[in-house]
N, C-alpha and C. Protein backbone atom coordinates (compact mmCIF):
# COMPACT_ATOMS: atom_id res chain seq x y z
N MET A 1 124.50 130.09 145.55
CA MET A 1 125.89 128.80 144.85
C MET A 1 124.85 128.18 143.66
N ALA A 2 126.03 127.67 143.21
CA ALA A 2 125.47 126.91 141.66
C ALA A 2 124.96 125.69 141.81
N ALA A 3 124.02 124.56 142.15
CA ALA A 3 123.65 123.37 142.37
C ALA A 3 124.44 122.94 141.58
N ILE A 4 125.30 122.04 142.27
CA ILE A 4 125.79 121.05 141.80
C ILE A 4 124.97 119.74 140.86
N GLU A 5 124.86 119.56 139.87
CA GLU A 5 124.42 118.32 139.43
C GLU A 5 124.89 117.02 139.29
N ALA A 6 123.87 115.68 139.45
CA ALA A 6 124.90 115.04 139.84
C ALA A 6 124.16 114.00 138.18
N LYS A 7 125.63 113.07 137.31
CA LYS A 7 125.43 112.53 136.16
C LYS A 7 124.49 111.29 137.00
N PRO A 8 123.36 111.23 136.25
CA PRO A 8 123.07 109.52 136.55
C PRO A 8 124.35 108.26 135.66
N GLU A 9 124.49 107.56 136.60
CA GLU A 9 124.94 106.53 136.37
C GLU A 9 124.90 106.28 135.45
N VAL A 10 126.12 105.18 134.63
CA VAL A 10 124.82 104.36 133.57
C VAL A 10 125.50 103.20 134.21
N SER A 11 124.50 101.89 134.08
CA SER A 11 124.78 101.24 134.92
C SER A 11 125.59 99.47 133.87
N LEU A 12 125.64 98.97 134.16
CA LEU A 12 126.71 97.90 133.95
C LEU A 12 125.84 96.54 132.47
N ASN A 13 124.12 97.25 133.12
CA ASN A 13 123.31 96.73 132.18
C ASN A 13 123.28 97.08 130.99
N GLU A 14 123.34 98.79 131.22
CA GLU A 14 122.69 99.15 129.76
C GLU A 14 123.87 99.41 128.96
N THR A 15 125.21 99.36 130.01
CA THR A 15 126.48 99.60 128.59
C THR A 15 125.66 98.40 127.83
N VAL A 16 125.49 96.89 128.73
CA VAL A 16 125.66 95.18 128.20
C VAL A 16 125.12 95.96 126.13
N ARG A 17 123.34 96.19 127.12
CA ARG A 17 122.70 96.99 125.71
C ARG A 17 123.31 98.03 124.82
N VAL A 18 123.89 98.62 125.09
CA VAL A 18 124.21 98.74 124.09
C VAL A 18 125.31 99.12 123.04
N LYS A 19 126.23 98.06 123.60
CA LYS A 19 127.29 97.34 123.28
C LYS A 19 126.33 96.10 122.15
N GLU A 20 125.51 95.56 122.53
CA GLU A 20 124.58 94.51 121.80
C GLU A 20 123.99 94.82 120.91
N GLU A 21 123.16 96.08 120.79
CA GLU A 21 122.94 97.27 119.96
C GLU A 21 123.97 97.64 119.38
N ARG A 22 124.73 97.65 119.12
CA ARG A 22 125.35 98.19 117.96
C ARG A 22 125.64 96.78 117.33
N LYS A 23 126.25 95.27 118.02
CA LYS A 23 126.87 94.20 117.25
C LYS A 23 125.51 93.93 116.51
N MET A 24 124.53 94.13 116.81
CA MET A 24 122.99 93.76 116.11
C MET A 24 122.76 94.30 114.53
N ASP A 25 123.37 96.12 115.07
CA ASP A 25 123.41 97.02 113.42
C ASP A 25 124.54 96.62 112.97
N LEU A 26 125.86 96.22 113.32
CA LEU A 26 126.82 95.49 112.35
C LEU A 26 126.54 94.48 112.21
N PHE A 27 125.37 93.39 112.28
CA PHE A 27 125.36 92.32 111.69
C PHE A 27 123.91 92.54 110.87
N THR A 28 123.07 94.21 110.85
CA THR A 28 122.14 94.05 109.99
C THR A 28 122.69 94.03 108.18
N LYS A 29 123.46 94.98 109.03
CA LYS A 29 123.72 95.86 108.16
C LYS A 29 124.83 94.75 106.50
N ALA A 30 125.73 94.03 107.58
CA ALA A 30 126.07 93.56 106.87
C ALA A 30 124.98 92.61 105.75
N PHE A 31 124.00 91.16 107.11
CA PHE A 31 123.17 90.25 106.39
C PHE A 31 122.58 91.13 104.95
N LEU A 32 122.25 92.92 105.42
CA LEU A 32 121.65 93.56 103.91
C LEU A 32 122.17 93.82 102.85
N LYS A 33 123.71 93.90 102.75
CA LYS A 33 124.40 93.81 102.08
C LYS A 33 124.84 92.91 101.16
N VAL A 34 124.53 91.85 102.21
CA VAL A 34 124.34 89.96 100.95
C VAL A 34 123.15 89.89 100.72
N ARG A 35 122.12 89.97 101.11
CA ARG A 35 120.93 89.92 100.23
C ARG A 35 121.04 90.84 99.14
N GLU A 36 121.27 91.99 99.00
CA GLU A 36 121.31 93.35 98.12
C GLU A 36 122.72 92.56 96.73
N ARG A 37 123.15 91.86 97.32
CA ARG A 37 124.51 91.51 96.56
C ARG A 37 123.29 90.51 95.81
N PHE A 38 122.72 88.91 96.81
CA PHE A 38 122.21 88.30 95.87
C PHE A 38 121.40 88.37 94.91
N VAL A 39 120.12 89.63 95.30
CA VAL A 39 118.88 90.26 94.26
C VAL A 39 119.69 90.35 92.96
N ARG A 40 120.59 90.72 93.74
CA ARG A 40 121.28 92.05 91.80
C ARG A 40 121.78 90.51 91.13
N PHE A 41 122.81 89.45 92.03
CA PHE A 41 123.27 89.01 90.67
C PHE A 41 122.04 87.51 90.42
N HIS A 42 121.03 87.55 91.44
CA HIS A 42 119.99 86.71 90.85
C HIS A 42 118.65 87.93 90.24
N ARG A 43 118.90 89.10 89.34
CA ARG A 43 118.72 89.34 88.50
C ARG A 43 118.86 89.62 87.74
N ALA A 44 119.95 89.42 87.13
CA ALA A 44 120.73 89.51 86.18
C ALA A 44 121.27 87.94 85.35
N GLN A 45 121.01 87.49 86.30
CA GLN A 45 120.58 85.70 86.18
C GLN A 45 119.27 85.45 85.10
N THR A 46 118.57 86.00 85.49
CA THR A 46 117.01 85.66 85.36
C THR A 46 116.71 86.52 83.87
N MET A 47 117.57 87.96 83.14
CA MET A 47 117.39 88.57 82.37
C MET A 47 118.71 87.72 81.47
N THR A 48 119.35 86.74 82.14
CA THR A 48 119.88 86.24 81.20
C THR A 48 119.09 85.20 80.46
N GLU A 49 119.12 84.34 80.91
CA GLU A 49 117.46 83.00 80.56
C GLU A 49 117.32 83.91 80.41
N TYR A 50 116.31 84.82 80.05
CA TYR A 50 115.29 85.18 79.26
C TYR A 50 115.82 85.93 77.44
N ALA A 51 116.89 86.24 77.74
CA ALA A 51 118.08 86.16 75.82
C ALA A 51 118.09 84.84 75.94
N LEU A 52 118.11 83.77 76.75
CA LEU A 52 118.79 82.35 76.14
C LEU A 52 117.11 82.53 75.59
N ILE A 53 115.81 82.42 75.81
CA ILE A 53 114.95 82.18 75.16
C ILE A 53 114.24 82.21 74.42
N LEU A 54 115.15 83.96 73.85
CA LEU A 54 114.31 85.10 72.72
C LEU A 54 115.46 84.39 72.16
N ALA A 55 116.44 84.29 72.36
CA ALA A 55 117.33 83.55 71.05
C ALA A 55 116.94 81.83 70.76
N ALA A 56 116.64 81.59 71.50
CA ALA A 56 116.23 80.08 70.74
C ALA A 56 114.68 80.21 70.53
N ILE A 57 113.89 81.04 70.56
CA ILE A 57 112.95 80.88 69.41
C ILE A 57 113.04 81.94 68.56
N ALA A 58 114.27 82.55 68.37
CA ALA A 58 114.48 83.58 67.18
C ALA A 58 115.03 82.70 66.25
N VAL A 59 115.87 81.00 66.81
CA VAL A 59 116.59 80.95 65.98
C VAL A 59 115.28 79.50 64.65
N VAL A 60 114.46 79.33 66.03
CA VAL A 60 113.53 78.12 65.63
C VAL A 60 112.57 79.09 64.47
N VAL A 61 112.25 80.25 64.23
CA VAL A 61 111.23 80.97 63.66
C VAL A 61 112.14 81.18 62.72
N TYR A 62 113.00 81.89 62.69
CA TYR A 62 113.99 81.32 61.62
C TYR A 62 114.38 80.40 60.51
N GLY A 63 114.26 78.86 61.28
CA GLY A 63 114.63 78.00 60.49
C GLY A 63 113.12 77.43 60.74
N THR A 64 112.33 77.69 60.50
CA THR A 64 110.70 77.69 59.78
C THR A 64 110.42 77.96 58.47
N TYR A 65 110.81 79.24 58.92
CA TYR A 65 110.95 80.49 57.44
C TYR A 65 111.93 80.25 56.61
N ARG A 66 113.22 79.15 57.02
CA ARG A 66 114.22 78.74 55.49
C ARG A 66 113.26 77.45 55.66
N ALA A 67 112.66 76.55 55.93
CA ALA A 67 112.32 75.44 55.38
C ALA A 67 111.31 75.60 54.48
N LEU A 68 110.36 75.94 55.36
CA LEU A 68 109.06 76.21 54.06
C LEU A 68 109.31 77.76 53.61
N GLY A 69 110.31 78.59 53.36
CA GLY A 69 110.47 79.85 51.92
C GLY A 69 109.02 79.77 51.51
N ASN A 70 109.08 79.70 50.52
CA ASN A 70 107.85 80.15 49.82
C ASN A 70 106.41 79.18 49.79
N ASN A 71 106.02 78.86 50.51
CA ASN A 71 105.40 78.16 51.17
C ASN A 71 104.63 79.09 52.42
N ILE A 72 105.04 79.98 53.19
CA ILE A 72 104.12 80.81 53.74
C ILE A 72 103.52 81.32 52.73
N GLY A 73 103.91 82.09 52.11
CA GLY A 73 103.32 82.87 51.56
C GLY A 73 102.02 82.55 50.81
N SER A 74 102.11 80.77 50.38
CA SER A 74 100.90 80.28 49.67
C SER A 74 99.95 80.28 50.67
N LEU A 75 100.36 79.35 51.92
CA LEU A 75 100.24 79.12 53.24
C LEU A 75 99.20 81.31 53.43
N ALA A 76 99.24 81.94 53.47
CA ALA A 76 99.20 83.20 53.63
C ALA A 76 97.96 83.78 52.75
N ASN A 77 98.28 83.42 52.19
CA ASN A 77 96.79 83.52 50.81
C ASN A 77 95.63 82.73 50.85
N GLY A 78 95.81 81.13 50.91
CA GLY A 78 94.84 80.43 51.26
C GLY A 78 94.45 80.71 52.44
N VAL A 79 95.09 81.53 53.43
CA VAL A 79 93.65 82.07 54.52
C VAL A 79 93.58 82.78 54.24
N ASP A 80 93.98 83.99 53.73
CA ASP A 80 93.34 85.07 53.57
C ASP A 80 91.99 85.01 52.27
N SER A 81 92.33 83.80 51.10
CA SER A 81 91.09 83.49 50.67
C SER A 81 90.05 83.13 51.37
N ALA A 82 90.29 82.47 51.73
CA ALA A 82 89.03 81.73 52.79
C ALA A 82 88.27 82.02 53.93
N LEU A 83 89.11 82.93 55.03
CA LEU A 83 88.68 84.15 54.81
C LEU A 83 87.41 85.11 54.12
N THR A 84 88.40 85.35 53.22
CA THR A 84 87.29 86.54 52.40
C THR A 84 85.90 85.70 51.79
N ASN A 85 86.17 84.52 51.30
CA ASN A 85 84.77 83.21 51.12
C ASN A 85 84.25 83.12 52.06
N ALA A 86 84.63 83.72 53.68
CA ALA A 86 83.42 82.75 54.52
C ALA A 86 82.03 84.59 54.60
């Protein structure tokens, strides 16, 4: 005769625990998605800030070049001759 195997009974506590784990998994997945979107947005925001800073520096350099014009060349020659004579 074949032995009849008894299936282990799942307790109510075990069922509740499994449901709670599933809820926690869903919560964790949702949290990770929100965090990933925030990080992606924050990274793009930082890149935009760096681009604005770079643009501001370029404007200042261009304005300085336009204001000084030929004086930059004479200033560089003066520094060169001072270093040569030192």
